[in-house]
Amino acid sequence: CNNMRQEIRGNTLPFCGQPEFCSYEKTESRIQESVSKRLSVLSRLPFS
């Protein structure tokens, strides 16, 4: 939890390490993305 808090508060999260995670770039195009209050989370491994 402490490591997650440190990473989220800093700007050190590992974005775009793999091609499938590169769709959300810091460009004006993201403004056109359909946003909402709800998110889906996908993972190769199960989580609780």
All heavy atoms as atom14 arrays in JSON, in Angstrom:
{
  "sequence": "CNNMRQEIRGNTLPFCGQPEFCSYEKTESRIQESVSKRLSVLSRLPFS",
  "atom14_mask": [
    [1, 1, 1, 1, 1, 1, 0, 0, 0, 0, 0, 0, 0, 0],
    [1, 1, 1, 1, 1, 1, 1, 1, 0, 0, 0, 0, 0, 0],
    [1, 1, 1, 1, 1, 1, 1, 1, 0, 0, 0, 0, 0, 0],
    [1, 1, 1, 1, 1, 1, 1, 1, 0, 0, 0, 0, 0, 0],
    [1, 1, 1, 1, 1, 1, 1, 1, 1, 1, 1, 0, 0, 0],
    [1, 1, 1, 1, 1, 1, 1, 1, 1, 0, 0, 0, 0, 0],
    [1, 1, 1, 1, 1, 1, 1, 1, 1, 0, 0, 0, 0, 0],
    [1, 1, 1, 1, 1, 1, 1, 1, 0, 0, 0, 0, 0, 0],
    [1, 1, 1, 1, 1, 1, 1, 1, 1, 1, 1, 0, 0, 0],
    [1, 1, 1, 1, 0, 0, 0, 0, 0, 0, 0, 0, 0, 0],
    [1, 1, 1, 1, 1, 1, 1, 1, 0, 0, 0, 0, 0, 0],
    [1, 1, 1, 1, 1, 1, 1, 0, 0, 0, 0, 0, 0, 0],
    [1, 1, 1, 1, 1, 1, 1, 1, 0, 0, 0, 0, 0, 0],
    [1, 1, 1, 1, 1, 1, 1, 0, 0, 0, 0, 0, 0, 0],
    [1, 1, 1, 1, 1, 1, 1, 1, 1, 1, 1, 0, 0, 0],
    [1, 1, 1, 1, 1, 1, 0, 0, 0, 0, 0, 0, 0, 0],
    [1, 1, 1, 1, 0, 0, 0, 0, 0, 0, 0, 0, 0, 0],
    [1, 1, 1, 1, 1, 1, 1, 1, 1, 0, 0, 0, 0, 0],
    [1, 1, 1, 1, 1, 1, 1, 0, 0, 0, 0, 0, 0, 0],
    [1, 1, 1, 1, 1, 1, 1, 1, 1, 0, 0, 0, 0, 0],
    [1, 1, 1, 1, 1, 1, 1, 1, 1, 1, 1, 0, 0, 0],
    [1, 1, 1, 1, 1, 1, 0, 0, 0, 0, 0, 0, 0, 0],
    [1, 1, 1, 1, 1, 1, 0, 0, 0, 0, 0, 0, 0, 0],
    [1, 1, 1, 1, 1, 1, 1, 1, 1, 1, 1, 1, 0, 0],
    [1, 1, 1, 1, 1, 1, 1, 1, 1, 0, 0, 0, 0, 0],
    [1, 1, 1, 1, 1, 1, 1, 1, 1, 0, 0, 0, 0, 0],
    [1, 1, 1, 1, 1, 1, 1, 0, 0, 0, 0, 0, 0, 0],
    [1, 1, 1, 1, 1, 1, 1, 1, 1, 0, 0, 0, 0, 0],
    [1, 1, 1, 1, 1, 1, 0, 0, 0, 0, 0, 0, 0, 0],
    [1, 1, 1, 1, 1, 1, 1, 1, 1, 1, 1, 0, 0, 0],
    [1, 1, 1, 1, 1, 1, 1, 1, 0, 0, 0, 0, 0, 0],
    [1, 1, 1, 1, 1, 1, 1, 1, 1, 0, 0, 0, 0, 0],
    [1, 1, 1, 1, 1, 1, 1, 1, 1, 0, 0, 0, 0, 0],
    [1, 1, 1, 1, 1, 1, 0, 0, 0, 0, 0, 0, 0, 0],
    [1, 1, 1, 1, 1, 1, 1, 0, 0, 0, 0, 0, 0, 0],
    [1, 1, 1, 1, 1, 1, 0, 0, 0, 0, 0, 0, 0, 0],
    [1, 1, 1, 1, 1, 1, 1, 1, 1, 0, 0, 0, 0, 0],
    [1, 1, 1, 1, 1, 1, 1, 1, 1, 1, 1, 0, 0, 0],
    [1, 1, 1, 1, 1, 1, 1, 1, 0, 0, 0, 0, 0, 0],
    [1, 1, 1, 1, 1, 1, 0, 0, 0, 0, 0, 0, 0, 0],
    [1, 1, 1, 1, 1, 1, 1, 0, 0, 0, 0, 0, 0, 0],
    [1, 1, 1, 1, 1, 1, 1, 1, 0, 0, 0, 0, 0, 0],
    [1, 1, 1, 1, 1, 1, 0, 0, 0, 0, 0, 0, 0, 0],
    [1, 1, 1, 1, 1, 1, 1, 1, 1, 1, 1, 0, 0, 0],
    [1, 1, 1, 1, 1, 1, 1, 1, 0, 0, 0, 0, 0, 0],
    [1, 1, 1, 1, 1, 1, 1, 0, 0, 0, 0, 0, 0, 0],
    [1, 1, 1, 1, 1, 1, 1, 1, 1, 1, 1, 0, 0, 0],
    [1, 1, 1, 1, 1, 1, 0, 0, 0, 0, 0, 0, 0, 0]
  ],
  "atom14_positions": [
    [[0.83, -1.21, 0.0], [0.0, 0.0, 0.0], [0.86, 1.25, 0.0], [0.58, 2.21, -0.71], [-0.94, 0.01, 1.2], [-2.29, -1.17, 1.05], [0.0, 0.0, 0.0], [0.0, 0.0, 0.0], [0.0, 0.0, 0.0], [0.0, 0.0, 0.0], [0.0, 0.0, 0.0], [0.0, 0.0, 0.0], [0.0, 0.0, 0.0], [0.0, 0.0, 0.0]],
    [[1.93, 1.26, 0.81], [2.81, 2.43, 0.86], [3.48, 2.68, -0.49], [3.59, 3.81, -0.94], [3.88, 2.25, 1.93], [3.32, 2.37, 3.33], [2.27, 2.99, 3.53], [3.98, 1.77, 4.31], [0.0, 0.0, 0.0], [0.0, 0.0, 0.0], [0.0, 0.0, 0.0], [0.0, 0.0, 0.0], [0.0, 0.0, 0.0], [0.0, 0.0, 0.0]],
    [[3.93, 1.6, -1.15], [4.56, 1.76, -2.46], [3.57, 2.24, -3.5], [3.91, 3.05, -4.36], [5.19, 0.43, -2.91], [6.59, 0.26, -2.34], [7.45, 1.1, -2.56], [6.81, -0.81, -1.61], [0.0, 0.0, 0.0], [0.0, 0.0, 0.0], [0.0, 0.0, 0.0], [0.0, 0.0, 0.0], [0.0, 0.0, 0.0], [0.0, 0.0, 0.0]],
    [[2.31, 1.76, -3.42], [1.3, 2.22, -4.37], [1.01, 3.71, -4.16], [0.88, 4.47, -5.11], [0.01, 1.41, -4.21], [0.12, 0.01, -4.81], [-1.45, -0.83, -4.85], [-1.68, -1.23, -3.14], [0.0, 0.0, 0.0], [0.0, 0.0, 0.0], [0.0, 0.0, 0.0], [0.0, 0.0, 0.0], [0.0, 0.0, 0.0], [0.0, 0.0, 0.0]],
    [[0.91, 4.11, -2.89], [0.65, 5.54, -2.61], [1.77, 6.42, -3.14], [1.54, 7.47, -3.72], [0.48, 5.75, -1.1], [-0.85, 5.24, -0.58], [-1.08, 5.68, 0.85], [-2.37, 5.22, 1.31], [-2.58, 4.1, 1.96], [-1.56, 3.3, 2.21], [-3.79, 3.75, 2.36], [0.0, 0.0, 0.0], [0.0, 0.0, 0.0], [0.0, 0.0, 0.0]],
    [[3.02, 5.98, -2.92], [4.17, 6.77, -3.39], [4.14, 6.9, -4.9], [4.41, 7.97, -5.45], [5.47, 6.1, -2.94], [5.71, 6.21, -1.44], [6.85, 5.34, -0.98], [7.57, 4.78, -1.8], [7.02, 5.21, 0.33], [0.0, 0.0, 0.0], [0.0, 0.0, 0.0], [0.0, 0.0, 0.0], [0.0, 0.0, 0.0], [0.0, 0.0, 0.0]],
    [[3.81, 5.81, -5.61], [3.84, 5.85, -7.07], [2.71, 6.69, -7.62], [2.86, 7.41, -8.6], [3.77, 4.43, -7.63], [5.05, 3.65, -7.37], [5.11, 2.38, -8.19], [4.06, 1.94, -8.68], [6.21, 1.85, -8.35], [0.0, 0.0, 0.0], [0.0, 0.0, 0.0], [0.0, 0.0, 0.0], [0.0, 0.0, 0.0], [0.0, 0.0, 0.0]],
    [[1.53, 6.6, -6.98], [0.39, 7.36, -7.48], [0.57, 8.85, -7.22], [0.23, 9.69, -8.03], [-0.91, 6.83, -6.84], [-1.22, 5.45, -7.43], [-2.07, 7.77, -7.1], [-2.38, 4.75, -6.79], [0.0, 0.0, 0.0], [0.0, 0.0, 0.0], [0.0, 0.0, 0.0], [0.0, 0.0, 0.0], [0.0, 0.0, 0.0], [0.0, 0.0, 0.0]],
    [[1.16, 9.19, -6.05], [1.37, 10.61, -5.75], [2.48, 11.2, -6.6], [2.46, 12.37, -6.94], [1.69, 10.77, -4.26], [0.44, 10.6, -3.39], [0.79, 10.51, -1.93], [-0.42, 10.3, -1.14], [-0.42, 9.93, 0.13], [0.72, 9.73, 0.75], [-1.54, 9.75, 0.78], [0.0, 0.0, 0.0], [0.0, 0.0, 0.0], [0.0, 0.0, 0.0]],
    [[3.5, 10.39, -6.92], [4.54, 10.85, -7.84], [4.08, 10.53, -9.25], [3.02, 9.96, -9.46], [0.0, 0.0, 0.0], [0.0, 0.0, 0.0], [0.0, 0.0, 0.0], [0.0, 0.0, 0.0], [0.0, 0.0, 0.0], [0.0, 0.0, 0.0], [0.0, 0.0, 0.0], [0.0, 0.0, 0.0], [0.0, 0.0, 0.0], [0.0, 0.0, 0.0]],
    [[4.85, 10.93, -10.21], [4.49, 10.62, -11.59], [5.42, 9.56, -12.14], [6.07, 9.74, -13.15], [4.57, 11.89, -12.45], [3.43, 12.84, -12.15], [2.28, 12.42, -12.07], [3.74, 14.11, -11.97], [0.0, 0.0, 0.0], [0.0, 0.0, 0.0], [0.0, 0.0, 0.0], [0.0, 0.0, 0.0], [0.0, 0.0, 0.0], [0.0, 0.0, 0.0]],
    [[5.47, 8.42, -11.44], [6.43, 7.39, -11.82], [5.76, 6.12, -12.3], [6.39, 5.09, -12.38], [7.32, 7.04, -10.62], [6.49, 6.6, -9.53], [8.12, 8.25, -10.17], [0.0, 0.0, 0.0], [0.0, 0.0, 0.0], [0.0, 0.0, 0.0], [0.0, 0.0, 0.0], [0.0, 0.0, 0.0], [0.0, 0.0, 0.0], [0.0, 0.0, 0.0]],
    [[4.45, 6.16, -12.58], [3.8, 4.94, -13.02], [4.28, 4.54, -14.41], [4.52, 5.39, -15.26], [2.27, 5.12, -13.04], [1.66, 5.35, -11.66], [0.15, 5.4, -11.76], [2.04, 4.23, -10.7], [0.0, 0.0, 0.0], [0.0, 0.0, 0.0], [0.0, 0.0, 0.0], [0.0, 0.0, 0.0], [0.0, 0.0, 0.0], [0.0, 0.0, 0.0]],
    [[4.44, 3.23, -14.64], [5.05, 2.76, -15.89], [4.06, 2.7, -17.05], [3.52, 1.66, -17.38], [5.52, 1.34, -15.5], [4.52, 0.91, -14.48], [4.14, 2.14, -13.71], [0.0, 0.0, 0.0], [0.0, 0.0, 0.0], [0.0, 0.0, 0.0], [0.0, 0.0, 0.0], [0.0, 0.0, 0.0], [0.0, 0.0, 0.0], [0.0, 0.0, 0.0]],
    [[3.81, 3.84, -17.69], [2.9, 3.85, -18.83], [3.59, 3.34, -20.09], [4.79, 3.5, -20.27], [2.4, 5.28, -19.11], [1.6, 5.84, -17.98], [2.07, 6.89, -17.23], [0.38, 5.27, -17.64], [1.34, 7.39, -16.18], [-0.36, 5.77, -16.6], [0.12, 6.83, -15.86], [0.0, 0.0, 0.0], [0.0, 0.0, 0.0], [0.0, 0.0, 0.0]],
    [[2.81, 2.72, -20.95], [3.26, 2.35, -22.29], [4.47, 1.43, -22.29], [5.33, 1.54, -23.16], [3.53, 3.59, -23.13], [2.05, 4.54, -23.43], [0.0, 0.0, 0.0], [0.0, 0.0, 0.0], [0.0, 0.0, 0.0], [0.0, 0.0, 0.0], [0.0, 0.0, 0.0], [0.0, 0.0, 0.0], [0.0, 0.0, 0.0], [0.0, 0.0, 0.0]],
    [[4.54, 0.55, -21.33], [5.62, -0.43, -21.36], [5.36, -1.49, -22.41], [6.28, -2.13, -22.89], [0.0, 0.0, 0.0], [0.0, 0.0, 0.0], [0.0, 0.0, 0.0], [0.0, 0.0, 0.0], [0.0, 0.0, 0.0], [0.0, 0.0, 0.0], [0.0, 0.0, 0.0], [0.0, 0.0, 0.0], [0.0, 0.0, 0.0], [0.0, 0.0, 0.0]],
    [[4.09, -1.69, -22.76], [3.73, -2.66, -23.78], [2.76, -1.99, -24.76], [2.02, -1.1, -24.39], [3.05, -3.88, -23.13], [3.97, -4.62, -22.18], [3.24, -5.76, -21.49], [2.07, -6.0, -21.74], [3.95, -6.46, -20.62], [0.0, 0.0, 0.0], [0.0, 0.0, 0.0], [0.0, 0.0, 0.0], [0.0, 0.0, 0.0], [0.0, 0.0, 0.0]],
    [[2.77, -2.42, -26.03], [1.95, -1.76, -27.05], [0.47, -1.68, -26.71], [-0.17, -0.68, -27.0], [2.18, -2.64, -28.3], [3.5, -3.3, -28.05], [3.58, -3.51, -26.58], [0.0, 0.0, 0.0], [0.0, 0.0, 0.0], [0.0, 0.0, 0.0], [0.0, 0.0, 0.0], [0.0, 0.0, 0.0], [0.0, 0.0, 0.0], [0.0, 0.0, 0.0]],
    [[-0.08, -2.74, -26.04], [-1.51, -2.72, -25.79], [-1.93, -1.68, -24.76], [-3.1, -1.41, -24.58], [-1.99, -4.11, -25.33], [-1.38, -4.58, -24.02], [-0.16, -5.44, -24.24], [0.56, -5.19, -25.21], [0.06, -6.36, -23.45], [0.0, 0.0, 0.0], [0.0, 0.0, 0.0], [0.0, 0.0, 0.0], [0.0, 0.0, 0.0], [0.0, 0.0, 0.0]],
    [[-0.95, -1.07, -24.08], [-1.27, -0.07, -23.07], [-0.9, 1.35, -23.52], [-0.67, 2.22, -22.71], [-0.57, -0.4, -21.75], [-1.04, -1.68, -21.14], [-0.22, -2.78, -21.07], [-2.33, -1.78, -20.66], [-0.66, -3.97, -20.51], [-2.79, -2.96, -20.09], [-1.95, -4.05, -20.02], [0.0, 0.0, 0.0], [0.0, 0.0, 0.0], [0.0, 0.0, 0.0]],
    [[-0.81, 1.57, -24.82], [-0.34, 2.86, -25.3], [-1.46, 3.71, -25.93], [-1.16, 4.69, -26.6], [0.79, 2.68, -26.33], [2.3, 2.05, -25.57], [0.0, 0.0, 0.0], [0.0, 0.0, 0.0], [0.0, 0.0, 0.0], [0.0, 0.0, 0.0], [0.0, 0.0, 0.0], [0.0, 0.0, 0.0], [0.0, 0.0, 0.0], [0.0, 0.0, 0.0]],
    [[-2.7, 3.34, -25.71], [-3.78, 4.06, -26.37], [-4.1, 5.39, -25.69], [-4.76, 6.24, -26.26], [-5.05, 3.2, -26.4], [-5.45, 2.89, -25.08], [0.0, 0.0, 0.0], [0.0, 0.0, 0.0], [0.0, 0.0, 0.0], [0.0, 0.0, 0.0], [0.0, 0.0, 0.0], [0.0, 0.0, 0.0], [0.0, 0.0, 0.0], [0.0, 0.0, 0.0]],
    [[-3.64, 5.57, -24.45], [-4.01, 6.76, -23.69], [-2.83, 7.72, -23.61], [-2.1, 7.77, -22.64], [-4.47, 6.35, -22.3], [-5.22, 7.42, -21.55], [-6.39, 7.96, -22.06], [-4.76, 7.88, -20.32], [-7.08, 8.93, -21.36], [-5.45, 8.85, -19.62], [-6.62, 9.37, -20.14], [-7.31, 10.33, -19.44], [0.0, 0.0, 0.0], [0.0, 0.0, 0.0]],
    [[-2.57, 8.43, -24.66], [-1.42, 9.32, -24.72], [-1.79, 10.72, -24.23], [-2.94, 11.12, -24.22], [-0.91, 9.42, -26.17], [-0.43, 8.1, -26.74], [0.86, 7.61, -26.11], [1.49, 8.4, -25.4], [1.21, 6.46, -26.33], [0.0, 0.0, 0.0], [0.0, 0.0, 0.0], [0.0, 0.0, 0.0], [0.0, 0.0, 0.0], [0.0, 0.0, 0.0]],
    [[-0.75, 11.5, -23.86], [-0.98, 12.87, -23.41], [-1.11, 13.8, -24.61], [-0.26, 14.63, -24.89], [0.2, 13.33, -22.53], [0.32, 12.57, -21.21], [1.47, 13.13, -20.41], [1.61, 12.42, -19.08], [2.73, 12.94, -18.31], [0.0, 0.0, 0.0], [0.0, 0.0, 0.0], [0.0, 0.0, 0.0], [0.0, 0.0, 0.0], [0.0, 0.0, 0.0]],
    [[-2.19, 13.65, -25.34], [-2.43, 14.48, -26.51], [-3.85, 14.98, -26.48], [-4.68, 14.55, -25.67], [-2.22, 13.69, -27.81], [-3.21, 12.65, -27.87], [-0.85, 13.05, -27.87], [0.0, 0.0, 0.0], [0.0, 0.0, 0.0], [0.0, 0.0, 0.0], [0.0, 0.0, 0.0], [0.0, 0.0, 0.0], [0.0, 0.0, 0.0], [0.0, 0.0, 0.0]],
    [[-4.17, 15.91, -27.39], [-5.51, 16.45, -27.46], [-6.53, 15.38, -27.84], [-7.71, 15.53, -27.58], [-5.56, 17.61, -28.47], [-4.81, 18.84, -28.02], [-5.33, 19.41, -26.71], [-6.56, 19.5, -26.56], [-4.52, 19.71, -25.83], [0.0, 0.0, 0.0], [0.0, 0.0, 0.0], [0.0, 0.0, 0.0], [0.0, 0.0, 0.0], [0.0, 0.0, 0.0]],
    [[-6.06, 14.3, -28.47], [-7.0, 13.29, -28.93], [-7.75, 12.63, -27.78], [-8.86, 12.16, -27.94], [-6.26, 12.2, -29.73], [-5.34, 11.54, -28.89], [0.0, 0.0, 0.0], [0.0, 0.0, 0.0], [0.0, 0.0, 0.0], [0.0, 0.0, 0.0], [0.0, 0.0, 0.0], [0.0, 0.0, 0.0], [0.0, 0.0, 0.0], [0.0, 0.0, 0.0]],
    [[-7.16, 12.64, -26.57], [-7.82, 11.98, -25.46], [-9.08, 12.74, -25.04], [-9.96, 12.19, -24.39], [-6.88, 11.81, -24.28], [-6.6, 13.07, -23.51], [-5.67, 12.78, -22.35], [-5.45, 14.01, -21.58], [-4.54, 14.13, -20.66], [-3.77, 13.13, -20.36], [-4.38, 15.24, -20.0], [0.0, 0.0, 0.0], [0.0, 0.0, 0.0], [0.0, 0.0, 0.0]],
    [[-9.16, 14.04, -25.39], [-10.34, 14.82, -25.05], [-11.55, 14.27, -25.8], [-12.68, 14.34, -25.33], [-10.12, 16.32, -25.38], [-8.97, 16.86, -24.51], [-11.37, 17.13, -25.16], [-8.59, 18.27, -24.83], [0.0, 0.0, 0.0], [0.0, 0.0, 0.0], [0.0, 0.0, 0.0], [0.0, 0.0, 0.0], [0.0, 0.0, 0.0], [0.0, 0.0, 0.0]],
    [[-11.31, 13.71, -26.98], [-12.4, 13.17, -27.78], [-12.85, 11.8, -27.29], [-13.87, 11.29, -27.73], [-11.95, 13.07, -29.26], [-11.42, 14.38, -29.84], [-12.43, 15.52, -29.74], [-13.61, 15.3, -29.97], [-11.95, 16.7, -29.4], [0.0, 0.0, 0.0], [0.0, 0.0, 0.0], [0.0, 0.0, 0.0], [0.0, 0.0, 0.0], [0.0, 0.0, 0.0]],
    [[-12.08, 11.19, -26.37], [-12.43, 9.87, -25.89], [-13.71, 9.93, -25.06], [-13.93, 10.87, -24.3], [-11.28, 9.32, -25.05], [-11.47, 7.89, -24.59], [-10.25, 7.38, -23.85], [-9.37, 8.2, -23.55], [-10.19, 6.18, -23.59], [0.0, 0.0, 0.0], [0.0, 0.0, 0.0], [0.0, 0.0, 0.0], [0.0, 0.0, 0.0], [0.0, 0.0, 0.0]],
    [[-14.57, 8.95, -25.2], [-15.81, 8.9, -24.43], [-15.48, 8.55, -22.99], [-15.05, 7.44, -22.69], [-16.75, 7.85, -25.04], [-17.94, 7.77, -24.28], [0.0, 0.0, 0.0], [0.0, 0.0, 0.0], [0.0, 0.0, 0.0], [0.0, 0.0, 0.0], [0.0, 0.0, 0.0], [0.0, 0.0, 0.0], [0.0, 0.0, 0.0], [0.0, 0.0, 0.0]],
    [[-15.67, 9.51, -22.09], [-15.35, 9.29, -20.69], [-16.62, 9.09, -19.88], [-17.72, 9.44, -20.32], [-14.54, 10.48, -20.11], [-13.25, 10.65, -20.87], [-15.36, 11.74, -20.11], [0.0, 0.0, 0.0], [0.0, 0.0, 0.0], [0.0, 0.0, 0.0], [0.0, 0.0, 0.0], [0.0, 0.0, 0.0], [0.0, 0.0, 0.0], [0.0, 0.0, 0.0]],
    [[-16.47, 8.52, -18.69], [-17.6, 8.31, -17.81], [-17.09, 8.14, -16.39], [-15.89, 8.19, -16.14], [-18.39, 7.06, -18.23], [-17.64, 5.89, -17.95], [0.0, 0.0, 0.0], [0.0, 0.0, 0.0], [0.0, 0.0, 0.0], [0.0, 0.0, 0.0], [0.0, 0.0, 0.0], [0.0, 0.0, 0.0], [0.0, 0.0, 0.0], [0.0, 0.0, 0.0]],
    [[-18.0, 7.94, -15.45], [-17.63, 7.72, -14.06], [-17.29, 6.26, -13.79], [-16.87, 5.9, -12.69], [-18.77, 8.16, -13.13], [-19.09, 9.64, -13.19], [-20.12, 10.03, -12.16], [-21.49, 9.45, -12.51], [-22.53, 9.93, -11.55], [0.0, 0.0, 0.0], [0.0, 0.0, 0.0], [0.0, 0.0, 0.0], [0.0, 0.0, 0.0], [0.0, 0.0, 0.0]],
    [[-17.49, 5.41, -14.79], [-17.32, 3.97, -14.6], [-16.14, 3.45, -15.42], [-15.94, 3.86, -16.56], [-18.61, 3.26, -15.03], [-18.69, 1.8, -14.61], [-20.06, 1.23, -14.95], [-21.11, 1.93, -14.23], [-22.4, 1.84, -14.53], [-22.79, 1.12, -15.56], [-23.29, 2.48, -13.81], [0.0, 0.0, 0.0], [0.0, 0.0, 0.0], [0.0, 0.0, 0.0]],
    [[-15.37, 2.54, -14.82], [-14.18, 1.99, -15.47], [-14.25, 0.47, -15.46], [-14.82, -0.14, -14.55], [-12.92, 2.43, -14.72], [-12.64, 3.92, -14.58], [-11.5, 4.14, -13.59], [-12.31, 4.54, -15.92], [0.0, 0.0, 0.0], [0.0, 0.0, 0.0], [0.0, 0.0, 0.0], [0.0, 0.0, 0.0], [0.0, 0.0, 0.0], [0.0, 0.0, 0.0]],
    [[-13.62, -0.13, -16.46], [-13.4, -1.58, -16.43], [-11.92, -1.82, -16.21], [-11.08, -1.06, -16.69], [-13.86, -2.23, -17.73], [-12.94, -1.96, -18.78], [0.0, 0.0, 0.0], [0.0, 0.0, 0.0], [0.0, 0.0, 0.0], [0.0, 0.0, 0.0], [0.0, 0.0, 0.0], [0.0, 0.0, 0.0], [0.0, 0.0, 0.0], [0.0, 0.0, 0.0]],
    [[-11.6, -2.87, -15.48], [-10.22, -3.22, -15.18], [-9.97, -4.66, -15.64], [-10.69, -5.58, -15.22], [-9.91, -3.11, -13.68], [-8.43, -3.39, -13.42], [-10.28, -1.73, -13.16], [0.0, 0.0, 0.0], [0.0, 0.0, 0.0], [0.0, 0.0, 0.0], [0.0, 0.0, 0.0], [0.0, 0.0, 0.0], [0.0, 0.0, 0.0], [0.0, 0.0, 0.0]],
    [[-8.99, -4.85, -16.51], [-8.64, -6.17, -17.01], [-7.23, -6.52, -16.56], [-6.34, -5.65, -16.51], [-8.7, -6.21, -18.53], [-10.1, -6.12, -19.17], [-9.98, -5.96, -20.67], [-10.91, -7.36, -18.84], [0.0, 0.0, 0.0], [0.0, 0.0, 0.0], [0.0, 0.0, 0.0], [0.0, 0.0, 0.0], [0.0, 0.0, 0.0], [0.0, 0.0, 0.0]],
    [[-7.0, -7.79, -16.25], [-5.7, -8.24, -15.78], [-5.47, -9.67, -16.24], [-6.41, -10.46, -16.34], [-5.66, -8.18, -14.24], [-4.57, -8.91, -13.74], [0.0, 0.0, 0.0], [0.0, 0.0, 0.0], [0.0, 0.0, 0.0], [0.0, 0.0, 0.0], [0.0, 0.0, 0.0], [0.0, 0.0, 0.0], [0.0, 0.0, 0.0], [0.0, 0.0, 0.0]],
    [[-4.21, -9.99, -16.54], [-3.88, -11.38, -16.89], [-4.0, -12.31, -15.68], [-4.21, -13.5, -15.83], [-2.46, -11.46, -17.46], [-2.3, -10.81, -18.83], [-0.94, -11.15, -19.41], [0.15, -10.67, -18.58], [0.67, -9.45, -18.67], [0.19, -8.61, -19.57], [1.67, -9.08, -17.89], [0.0, 0.0, 0.0], [0.0, 0.0, 0.0], [0.0, 0.0, 0.0]],
    [[-3.84, -11.73, -14.48], [-3.91, -12.52, -13.25], [-5.16, -12.15, -12.45], [-5.61, -11.01, -12.52], [-2.66, -12.27, -12.39], [-1.31, -12.63, -13.01], [-0.19, -12.26, -12.06], [-1.25, -14.12, -13.34], [0.0, 0.0, 0.0], [0.0, 0.0, 0.0], [0.0, 0.0, 0.0], [0.0, 0.0, 0.0], [0.0, 0.0, 0.0], [0.0, 0.0, 0.0]],
    [[-5.71, -13.07, -11.69], [-6.88, -12.74, -10.87], [-6.49, -11.84, -9.7], [-5.34, -11.83, -9.27], [-7.36, -14.11, -10.38], [-6.13, -14.96, -10.4], [-5.3, -14.48, -11.56], [0.0, 0.0, 0.0], [0.0, 0.0, 0.0], [0.0, 0.0, 0.0], [0.0, 0.0, 0.0], [0.0, 0.0, 0.0], [0.0, 0.0, 0.0], [0.0, 0.0, 0.0]],
    [[-7.45, -11.07, -9.2], [-7.21, -10.24, -8.02], [-8.44, -10.34, -7.12], [-9.52, -10.72, -7.56], [-6.93, -8.78, -8.39], [-7.72, -8.26, -9.55], [-9.11, -8.12, -9.49], [-7.1, -7.9, -10.74], [-9.84, -7.65, -10.57], [-7.83, -7.42, -11.82], [-9.2, -7.3, -11.73], [0.0, 0.0, 0.0], [0.0, 0.0, 0.0], [0.0, 0.0, 0.0]],
    [[-8.26, -10.0, -5.86], [-9.36, -10.08, -4.9], [-10.07, -8.74, -4.81], [-9.52, -7.69, -5.19], [-8.85, -10.48, -3.52], [-8.13, -9.42, -2.92], [0.0, 0.0, 0.0], [0.0, 0.0, 0.0], [0.0, 0.0, 0.0], [0.0, 0.0, 0.0], [0.0, 0.0, 0.0], [0.0, 0.0, 0.0], [0.0, 0.0, 0.0], [0.0, 0.0, 0.0]]
  ]
}
